[in-house]
N, C-alpha and C. Protein backbone atom coordinates (compact mmCIF):
# COMPACT_ATOMS: atom_id res chain seq x y z
N GLN A 1 -20.86 4.50 0.14
CA GLN A 1 -19.96 5.32 0.24
C GLN A 1 -18.54 4.49 0.74
N VAL A 2 -17.48 4.53 0.13
CA VAL A 2 -16.49 3.60 0.47
C VAL A 2 -15.68 4.31 1.66
N GLN A 3 -15.03 3.70 2.44
CA GLN A 3 -14.01 4.19 3.45
C GLN A 3 -13.07 3.24 3.45
N LEU A 4 -11.65 3.53 3.10
CA LEU A 4 -10.46 2.94 3.01
C LEU A 4 -9.74 3.48 4.16
N VAL A 5 -9.30 2.48 5.34
CA VAL A 5 -8.07 2.96 6.54
C VAL A 5 -6.86 2.08 6.27
N GLU A 6 -5.96 3.10 6.40
CA GLU A 6 -4.49 2.06 6.18
C GLU A 6 -3.92 1.99 7.94
N SER A 7 -3.41 1.24 7.72
CA SER A 7 -2.28 1.00 9.15
C SER A 7 -1.22 -0.04 8.93
N GLY A 8 -0.34 0.10 9.93
CA GLY A 8 0.80 -0.66 10.06
C GLY A 8 1.83 0.26 9.51
N GLY A 9 1.99 1.63 9.28
CA GLY A 9 3.15 2.35 9.19
C GLY A 9 3.75 2.67 10.66
N GLY A 10 4.95 3.16 10.46
CA GLY A 10 5.89 3.03 11.69
C GLY A 10 7.10 3.86 11.07
N LEU A 11 8.44 3.51 12.22
CA LEU A 11 9.79 3.58 12.08
C LEU A 11 10.61 2.58 11.79
N VAL A 12 10.95 2.02 10.89
CA VAL A 12 11.57 0.58 10.94
C VAL A 12 13.18 0.91 10.64
N GLN A 13 14.36 0.54 10.97
CA GLN A 13 15.77 0.55 10.18
C GLN A 13 15.89 -0.34 8.96
N PRO A 14 16.49 0.72 8.48
CA PRO A 14 16.90 0.14 7.10
C PRO A 14 17.13 -1.46 7.15
N GLY A 15 16.57 -2.44 6.20
CA GLY A 15 16.83 -3.96 5.94
C GLY A 15 15.67 -4.11 6.55
N GLY A 16 15.02 -3.71 7.42
CA GLY A 16 13.45 -3.84 8.16
C GLY A 16 12.33 -4.45 7.19
N SER A 17 11.49 -4.73 7.85
CA SER A 17 9.79 -5.01 7.27
C SER A 17 9.23 -4.49 7.93
N LEU A 18 8.16 -4.19 7.03
CA LEU A 18 6.61 -3.38 7.44
C LEU A 18 5.68 -4.48 6.81
N ARG A 19 4.38 -4.31 7.53
CA ARG A 19 3.23 -4.88 6.41
C ARG A 19 1.88 -3.86 6.86
N LEU A 20 1.70 -3.26 5.63
CA LEU A 20 0.45 -1.96 5.79
C LEU A 20 -1.04 -3.23 5.30
N SER A 21 -2.00 -2.44 5.91
CA SER A 21 -3.25 -3.18 6.02
C SER A 21 -3.96 -2.09 5.26
N CYS A 22 -4.99 -2.31 4.69
CA CYS A 22 -6.20 -1.52 4.18
C CYS A 22 -7.14 -2.30 4.11
N ALA A 23 -7.98 -1.69 5.35
CA ALA A 23 -9.58 -2.36 5.34
C ALA A 23 -10.66 -1.59 4.96
N ALA A 24 -10.91 -2.10 3.75
CA ALA A 24 -12.33 -1.50 3.25
C ALA A 24 -13.73 -1.49 4.19
N SER A 25 -14.84 -0.30 4.05
CA SER A 25 -15.87 -0.44 4.50
C SER A 25 -16.90 0.26 3.36
N GLY A 26 -18.11 -0.35 3.55
CA GLY A 26 -18.96 0.50 2.78
C GLY A 26 -19.37 -0.30 1.45
N ASN A 27 -18.43 -1.00 0.65
CA ASN A 27 -18.44 -1.43 -0.27
C ASN A 27 -17.38 -2.68 -0.03
N MET A 28 -17.65 -3.70 -1.13
CA MET A 28 -16.98 -4.58 -1.04
C MET A 28 -15.74 -4.19 -2.39
N ILE A 29 -14.71 -4.94 -1.87
CA ILE A 29 -13.64 -4.66 -2.56
C ILE A 29 -13.24 -5.82 -3.86
N SER A 30 -13.91 -6.70 -4.16
CA SER A 30 -13.65 -7.81 -4.57
C SER A 30 -13.67 -7.59 -6.07
N ASP A 31 -14.48 -6.82 -6.60
CA ASP A 31 -14.80 -6.68 -8.13
C ASP A 31 -13.58 -5.49 -8.56
N HIS A 32 -12.74 -5.02 -7.64
CA HIS A 32 -11.94 -3.59 -8.11
C HIS A 32 -10.78 -3.78 -7.88
N THR A 33 -9.87 -3.31 -8.78
CA THR A 33 -8.50 -3.04 -8.69
C THR A 33 -8.29 -2.26 -7.58
N MET A 34 -7.35 -2.66 -6.82
CA MET A 34 -6.85 -2.22 -5.12
C MET A 34 -5.18 -1.51 -5.47
N ALA A 35 -5.00 -0.52 -5.05
CA ALA A 35 -3.71 -0.31 -5.18
C ALA A 35 -3.08 0.31 -3.95
N TRP A 36 -1.66 0.22 -4.18
CA TRP A 36 -0.64 1.33 -3.04
C TRP A 36 0.14 2.31 -3.64
N TYR A 37 -0.15 3.67 -3.22
CA TYR A 37 0.85 4.76 -3.44
C TYR A 37 1.34 5.11 -2.73
N ARG A 38 2.42 6.11 -2.72
CA ARG A 38 3.11 6.63 -1.94
C ARG A 38 3.50 8.09 -2.44
N GLN A 39 3.70 9.00 -1.39
CA GLN A 39 4.24 10.43 -1.68
C GLN A 39 5.27 10.35 -0.66
N ALA A 40 6.51 10.86 -0.81
CA ALA A 40 7.52 11.55 -0.12
C ALA A 40 7.51 13.23 -0.46
N PRO A 41 7.95 13.87 0.79
CA PRO A 41 8.19 14.94 0.94
C PRO A 41 8.91 15.85 -0.71
N GLY A 42 8.12 16.69 -1.15
CA GLY A 42 8.84 17.55 -2.23
C GLY A 42 8.38 16.55 -3.20
N LYS A 43 7.85 15.16 -3.45
CA LYS A 43 7.89 14.51 -4.30
C LYS A 43 6.32 14.25 -4.96
N GLU A 44 5.92 13.87 -6.26
CA GLU A 44 4.52 13.59 -6.80
C GLU A 44 4.46 12.11 -5.97
N ARG A 45 3.08 11.84 -5.88
CA ARG A 45 2.58 10.50 -5.57
C ARG A 45 3.01 9.70 -6.72
N GLU A 46 3.31 8.27 -6.35
CA GLU A 46 3.78 7.42 -7.29
C GLU A 46 2.79 6.06 -7.06
N MET A 47 2.47 5.30 -8.03
CA MET A 47 2.07 4.06 -7.92
C MET A 47 3.24 2.94 -7.43
N VAL A 48 2.84 2.23 -6.43
CA VAL A 48 3.94 1.21 -5.54
C VAL A 48 3.55 -0.03 -6.50
N ALA A 49 2.30 -0.35 -5.99
CA ALA A 49 1.91 -1.92 -6.10
C ALA A 49 0.63 -1.99 -6.73
N ARG A 50 0.16 -2.61 -7.47
CA ARG A 50 -1.27 -2.56 -8.01
C ARG A 50 -1.87 -4.18 -8.33
N ILE A 51 -3.11 -4.56 -7.60
CA ILE A 51 -3.82 -5.90 -7.73
C ILE A 51 -5.10 -5.82 -8.11
N THR A 52 -5.46 -6.32 -9.39
CA THR A 52 -6.78 -6.66 -10.05
C THR A 52 -7.49 -7.80 -9.14
N SER A 53 -8.64 -7.65 -9.78
CA SER A 53 -9.48 -8.43 -8.87
C SER A 53 -9.61 -9.57 -8.96
N PHE A 54 -8.85 -10.28 -10.17
CA PHE A 54 -8.25 -11.63 -10.47
C PHE A 54 -7.01 -11.74 -10.00
N GLY A 55 -6.27 -10.74 -9.16
CA GLY A 55 -5.39 -11.15 -8.62
C GLY A 55 -3.82 -10.85 -9.00
N SER A 56 -3.84 -10.54 -10.08
CA SER A 56 -2.59 -10.20 -11.13
C SER A 56 -2.02 -8.53 -10.53
N THR A 57 -0.86 -8.84 -10.34
CA THR A 57 -0.16 -7.91 -9.54
C THR A 57 0.80 -7.00 -10.87
N ASN A 58 1.26 -6.28 -10.23
CA ASN A 58 2.15 -5.25 -10.83
C ASN A 58 2.47 -4.38 -9.81
N TYR A 59 4.24 -4.01 -10.19
CA TYR A 59 4.96 -2.97 -8.98
C TYR A 59 5.45 -2.07 -9.82
N ALA A 60 6.26 -1.14 -9.20
CA ALA A 60 6.77 -0.32 -9.70
C ALA A 60 8.56 -0.88 -9.86
N ASP A 61 9.23 -0.58 -10.51
CA ASP A 61 10.72 -1.02 -10.33
C ASP A 61 11.22 -0.60 -9.39
N SER A 62 10.98 0.18 -8.52
CA SER A 62 12.18 0.69 -7.34
C SER A 62 11.43 -0.58 -6.25
N VAL A 63 10.43 -0.79 -6.32
CA VAL A 63 9.86 -1.98 -5.04
C VAL A 63 10.28 -3.37 -5.97
N LYS A 64 10.23 -4.13 -6.94
CA LYS A 64 9.94 -5.27 -7.20
C LYS A 64 10.85 -6.18 -6.49
N ASP A 65 10.69 -7.16 -6.22
CA ASP A 65 10.98 -8.40 -5.43
C ASP A 65 11.21 -8.08 -4.31
N ARG A 66 10.82 -6.69 -3.55
CA ARG A 66 10.92 -6.17 -1.98
C ARG A 66 9.60 -6.33 -1.57
N PHE A 67 8.56 -5.41 -2.46
CA PHE A 67 7.42 -5.45 -1.87
C PHE A 67 6.69 -6.66 -2.49
N PHE A 68 5.29 -6.62 -1.95
CA PHE A 68 4.22 -7.81 -2.36
C PHE A 68 2.99 -7.13 -1.66
N ILE A 69 1.72 -7.20 -3.15
CA ILE A 69 0.38 -6.33 -2.49
C ILE A 69 -0.04 -7.94 -2.71
N SER A 70 -1.33 -7.92 -1.71
CA SER A 70 -1.87 -9.06 -1.38
C SER A 70 -3.29 -8.55 -1.15
N ARG A 71 -4.29 -9.66 -1.41
CA ARG A 71 -6.03 -9.19 -0.99
C ARG A 71 -6.35 -10.45 -0.59
N ASP A 72 -7.51 -10.03 0.63
CA ASP A 72 -8.48 -10.96 1.21
C ASP A 72 -9.47 -10.57 1.00
N ASN A 73 -10.45 -10.93 0.28
CA ASN A 73 -11.65 -10.40 -0.63
C ASN A 73 -12.82 -10.86 1.06
N ALA A 74 -12.55 -12.01 1.54
CA ALA A 74 -13.56 -12.07 2.64
C ALA A 74 -13.39 -11.02 3.91
N LYS A 75 -12.19 -10.70 3.70
CA LYS A 75 -12.04 -9.84 5.14
C LYS A 75 -11.72 -8.16 4.37
N ASN A 76 -12.51 -8.26 3.08
CA ASN A 76 -12.20 -6.67 2.38
C ASN A 76 -11.44 -5.98 2.98
N THR A 77 -9.70 -6.94 2.83
CA THR A 77 -8.56 -6.09 3.04
C THR A 77 -7.84 -6.42 2.20
N VAL A 78 -6.68 -5.11 1.79
CA VAL A 78 -5.16 -5.51 1.25
C VAL A 78 -4.46 -4.81 2.11
N TYR A 79 -3.38 -5.66 1.46
CA TYR A 79 -2.24 -5.71 2.44
C TYR A 79 -1.11 -5.30 1.28
N LEU A 80 0.25 -4.90 2.31
CA LEU A 80 1.29 -4.30 1.41
C LEU A 80 2.65 -4.84 2.20
N GLN A 81 3.36 -6.13 2.24
CA GLN A 81 4.23 -6.50 2.68
C GLN A 81 5.53 -5.79 1.92
N MET A 82 6.32 -5.21 2.85
CA MET A 82 7.35 -4.35 2.48
C MET A 82 8.86 -4.85 3.08
N ASN A 83 9.49 -5.65 2.21
CA ASN A 83 11.07 -6.45 3.25
C ASN A 83 11.87 -5.31 2.43
N ASN A 84 13.38 -5.53 3.22
CA ASN A 84 14.30 -4.73 2.55
C ASN A 84 14.28 -3.56 2.59
N LEU A 85 13.51 -2.80 3.61
CA LEU A 85 13.35 -1.50 3.27
C LEU A 85 14.69 -0.58 3.65
N LYS A 86 14.21 0.68 2.52
CA LYS A 86 15.26 1.46 2.33
C LYS A 86 14.89 2.74 2.90
N PRO A 87 15.80 3.65 3.09
CA PRO A 87 15.44 5.37 3.61
C PRO A 87 14.83 5.63 2.36
N GLU A 88 14.91 5.25 1.14
CA GLU A 88 13.86 6.29 0.02
C GLU A 88 12.86 5.67 0.06
N ASP A 89 12.48 4.82 0.63
CA ASP A 89 10.73 4.01 0.85
C ASP A 89 10.11 5.02 1.67
N THR A 90 10.78 6.05 2.83
CA THR A 90 10.20 6.97 3.49
C THR A 90 9.12 7.78 2.64
N ALA A 91 7.79 7.61 3.09
CA ALA A 91 7.26 8.23 2.80
C ALA A 91 5.40 8.01 3.26
N VAL A 92 4.44 8.75 2.70
CA VAL A 92 3.55 8.38 3.19
C VAL A 92 2.53 7.29 2.07
N TYR A 93 2.31 6.32 2.39
CA TYR A 93 1.55 5.27 2.03
C TYR A 93 0.29 5.30 1.98
N TYR A 94 -0.73 5.33 0.66
CA TYR A 94 -1.75 5.72 0.35
C TYR A 94 -2.29 4.35 -0.22
N CYS A 95 -3.76 3.80 0.18
CA CYS A 95 -4.50 2.79 -0.31
C CYS A 95 -5.52 3.50 -1.15
N SER A 96 -5.63 2.70 -2.72
CA SER A 96 -6.71 3.23 -3.20
C SER A 96 -7.16 2.38 -4.05
N ARG A 97 -8.91 2.25 -4.35
CA ARG A 97 -9.64 1.52 -5.11
C ARG A 97 -9.59 2.52 -6.32
N THR A 98 -9.15 1.51 -7.27
CA THR A 98 -8.95 2.43 -8.60
C THR A 98 -10.02 3.36 -9.36
N ASP A 99 -11.22 3.11 -8.86
CA ASP A 99 -11.97 3.78 -9.47
C ASP A 99 -12.28 5.11 -8.79
N GLY A 100 -11.41 5.57 -7.79
CA GLY A 100 -11.32 7.08 -7.19
C GLY A 100 -11.30 7.00 -5.71
N TYR A 101 -11.47 6.07 -4.69
CA TYR A 101 -11.62 6.05 -3.45
C TYR A 101 -10.08 6.33 -2.81
N TRP A 102 -10.13 6.63 -1.78
CA TRP A 102 -8.39 7.16 -1.22
C TRP A 102 -8.33 6.76 0.17
N GLY A 103 -7.55 6.33 0.99
CA GLY A 103 -7.33 6.04 2.33
C GLY A 103 -6.69 7.32 2.90
N GLN A 104 -6.63 7.86 4.01
CA GLN A 104 -5.96 8.77 4.56
C GLN A 104 -4.55 9.11 4.51
N GLY A 105 -3.80 7.82 4.55
CA GLY A 105 -2.36 7.59 4.56
C GLY A 105 -1.72 6.83 5.85
N THR A 106 -0.66 6.48 5.41
CA THR A 106 0.04 5.98 7.36
C THR A 106 1.61 6.58 6.62
N GLN A 107 2.21 6.51 7.51
CA GLN A 107 3.44 7.18 7.40
C GLN A 107 4.27 6.15 7.53
N VAL A 108 5.56 5.57 7.06
CA VAL A 108 6.85 4.99 6.67
C VAL A 108 7.69 5.50 6.89
N THR A 109 9.11 5.57 7.62
CA THR A 109 9.92 6.18 7.68
C THR A 109 10.90 4.95 7.97
N VAL A 110 11.88 5.12 7.31
CA VAL A 110 13.06 3.82 7.34
C VAL A 110 14.39 5.06 7.79
N SER A 111 14.54 4.82 8.81
CA SER A 111 15.79 5.29 9.14
C SER A 111 16.30 4.61 10.32
N SER A 112 17.71 4.80 10.52
CA SER A 112 18.39 4.12 11.42
C SER A 112 18.64 5.21 12.53
């Protein structure tokens, strides 16, 4: 049984930064692709960033050069560094192990 627990969300002003963490338990993440998704009110869930077991990354166009995904396999944790946040980044952010496990989500609100 894999459990993913996100943390680090909150309220931030436009232009600010947040770092989300996703701590995994029950199974190691080192052999798996991990991803961050987000879902804004009234919109479909969308992939934000993905990192393979080899460390290759890819990003949604809307967050390129602002968001950065990383992983610490020793800590069984994945991170999402979010810089220059915009109001349109407001959403619930979910961590995912791409073979079908999801966290409960953490709210990110960007507002002045």
